[in-house]
Amino acid sequence: MNLGTRLKELREMRGISVYRLSRLTDVSENHIHSIERSEKQPTIYTLEKLLNALQISLSEFFYEGGEAIFPSDYEKELLFHIRQLNPEKSAAMLQLAKLLHEEYVLLNQISTEDIES
């Protein structure tokens, strides 16, 4: 694993600029660029500061077992509450989420068709 490349991918996936990450962590933009280009290796302390700002744990960052999903704080809270439900209610929540997603997709298709006409 290339630590710098991985950090850059996650930062971009979160939609956070180097400038913003620098302000959130008090790590200089130049240092972040150097890490992302693999010119420098961060200390664990620096890496942890950067990852905390990206809402990613060290274990998630170093996970190499395939495609990893990094839930936001909101998603973690949602998952926590769903795990408290019995299996039937949990299945109902999943079905509700799927229906809401289908509705969202349909509304976007209608909106796109209106723009194109």
Protein backbone atom coordinates (compact mmCIF):
# COMPACT_ATOMS: atom_id res chain seq x y z
CA MET A 1 0.00 0.00 0.00
CA ASN A 2 1.24 3.44 -0.89
CA LEU A 3 0.35 5.56 2.12
CA GLY A 4 0.45 8.89 0.26
CA THR A 5 -1.70 7.70 -2.62
CA ARG A 6 -4.20 6.18 -0.20
CA LEU A 7 -4.41 9.40 1.80
CA LYS A 8 -4.97 11.47 -1.33
CA GLU A 9 -7.69 9.11 -2.60
CA LEU A 10 -9.55 9.27 0.69
CA ARG A 11 -9.20 13.05 0.92
CA GLU A 12 -10.56 13.48 -2.59
CA MET A 13 -13.33 10.95 -1.94
CA ARG A 14 -14.40 13.11 1.01
CA GLY A 15 -14.28 16.23 -1.18
CA ILE A 16 -11.78 17.98 1.08
CA SER A 17 -9.08 20.20 -0.39
CA VAL A 18 -5.50 20.16 0.87
CA TYR A 19 -6.08 23.71 2.10
CA ARG A 20 -9.12 22.65 4.14
CA LEU A 21 -7.37 19.56 5.53
CA SER A 22 -4.45 21.75 6.52
CA ARG A 23 -6.74 24.14 8.40
CA LEU A 24 -8.58 21.28 10.12
CA THR A 25 -5.39 19.58 11.30
CA ASP A 26 -2.80 22.34 11.67
CA VAL A 27 -0.53 20.37 9.30
CA SER A 28 0.98 22.55 6.59
CA GLU A 29 -0.26 22.25 3.02
CA ASN A 30 3.31 21.60 1.85
CA HIS A 31 3.67 18.74 4.30
CA ILE A 32 0.37 17.19 3.19
CA HIS A 33 1.43 17.49 -0.47
CA SER A 34 4.77 15.86 0.37
CA ILE A 35 3.01 12.98 2.12
CA GLU A 36 0.60 12.48 -0.78
CA ARG A 37 3.49 12.44 -3.26
CA SER A 38 5.28 9.92 -1.00
CA GLU A 39 8.21 12.29 -0.56
CA LYS A 40 7.77 12.18 3.23
CA GLN A 41 6.32 9.67 5.67
CA PRO A 42 4.11 11.15 8.40
CA THR A 43 4.50 10.31 12.04
CA ILE A 44 1.67 8.27 13.52
CA TYR A 45 0.57 11.43 15.34
CA THR A 46 0.36 13.42 12.08
CA LEU A 47 -1.34 10.59 10.22
CA GLU A 48 -3.89 10.24 13.00
CA LYS A 49 -4.64 13.99 12.88
CA LEU A 50 -5.16 13.81 9.11
CA LEU A 51 -7.35 10.72 9.31
CA ASN A 52 -9.44 12.12 12.16
CA ALA A 53 -10.23 15.14 10.00
CA LEU A 54 -11.28 12.72 7.23
CA GLN A 55 -13.36 10.75 9.77
CA ILE A 56 -11.36 7.58 9.17
CA SER A 57 -9.74 5.40 11.82
CA LEU A 58 -6.22 4.06 11.53
CA SER A 59 -7.59 0.51 11.22
CA GLU A 60 -9.89 1.56 8.35
CA PHE A 61 -7.00 3.34 6.66
CA PHE A 62 -4.72 0.29 6.75
CA TYR A 63 -7.47 -2.21 5.87
CA GLU A 64 -6.51 -4.02 2.66
CA GLY A 65 -9.14 -6.75 2.55
CA GLY A 66 -10.96 -5.48 -0.53
CA GLU A 67 -13.23 -2.52 -0.94
CA ALA A 68 -13.75 -0.83 2.39
CA ILE A 69 -16.60 1.47 3.24
CA PHE A 70 -15.90 4.38 5.53
CA PRO A 71 -19.16 5.46 7.15
CA SER A 72 -19.65 9.05 8.23
CA ASP A 73 -20.65 9.89 11.79
CA TYR A 74 -24.26 10.13 10.62
CA GLU A 75 -24.08 6.68 9.02
CA LYS A 76 -22.46 5.23 12.14
CA GLU A 77 -25.29 6.61 14.27
CA LEU A 78 -27.89 5.21 11.88
CA LEU A 79 -26.21 1.80 11.92
CA PHE A 80 -26.00 1.86 15.71
CA HIS A 81 -29.76 2.41 16.02
CA ILE A 82 -30.64 -0.19 13.39
CA ARG A 83 -28.54 -2.77 15.22
CA GLN A 84 -30.69 -2.17 18.32
CA LEU A 85 -33.82 -3.32 16.46
CA ASN A 86 -35.14 -6.86 16.27
CA PRO A 87 -34.64 -8.66 12.91
CA GLU A 88 -38.13 -7.85 11.62
CA LYS A 89 -37.86 -4.13 12.32
CA SER A 90 -34.33 -4.08 10.92
CA ALA A 91 -35.59 -5.68 7.69
CA ALA A 92 -38.39 -3.12 7.55
CA MET A 93 -35.86 -0.27 7.85
CA LEU A 94 -33.83 -1.76 5.00
CA GLN A 95 -36.95 -2.01 2.84
CA LEU A 96 -37.84 1.61 3.66
CA ALA A 97 -34.35 2.76 2.68
CA LYS A 98 -34.61 0.89 -0.63
CA LEU A 99 -38.01 2.44 -1.38
CA LEU A 100 -36.73 5.93 -0.58
CA HIS A 101 -33.76 5.36 -2.87
CA GLU A 102 -36.02 4.17 -5.72
CA GLU A 103 -38.20 7.27 -5.28
CA TYR A 104 -35.09 9.48 -5.34
CA VAL A 105 -33.85 7.85 -8.55
CA LEU A 106 -37.25 8.22 -10.22
CA LEU A 107 -37.53 11.88 -9.25
CA ASN A 108 -34.05 12.56 -10.64
CA GLN A 109 -34.98 10.85 -13.91
CA ILE A 110 -38.13 12.96 -14.23
CA SER A 111 -36.18 16.11 -13.41
CA THR A 112 -33.50 15.24 -16.00
CA GLU A 113 -36.16 14.56 -18.66
CA ASP A 114 -37.79 17.96 -17.94
CA ILE A 115 -34.45 19.72 -18.42
CA GLU A 116 -33.76 17.91 -21.68
CA SER A 117 -37.21 18.73 -23.17
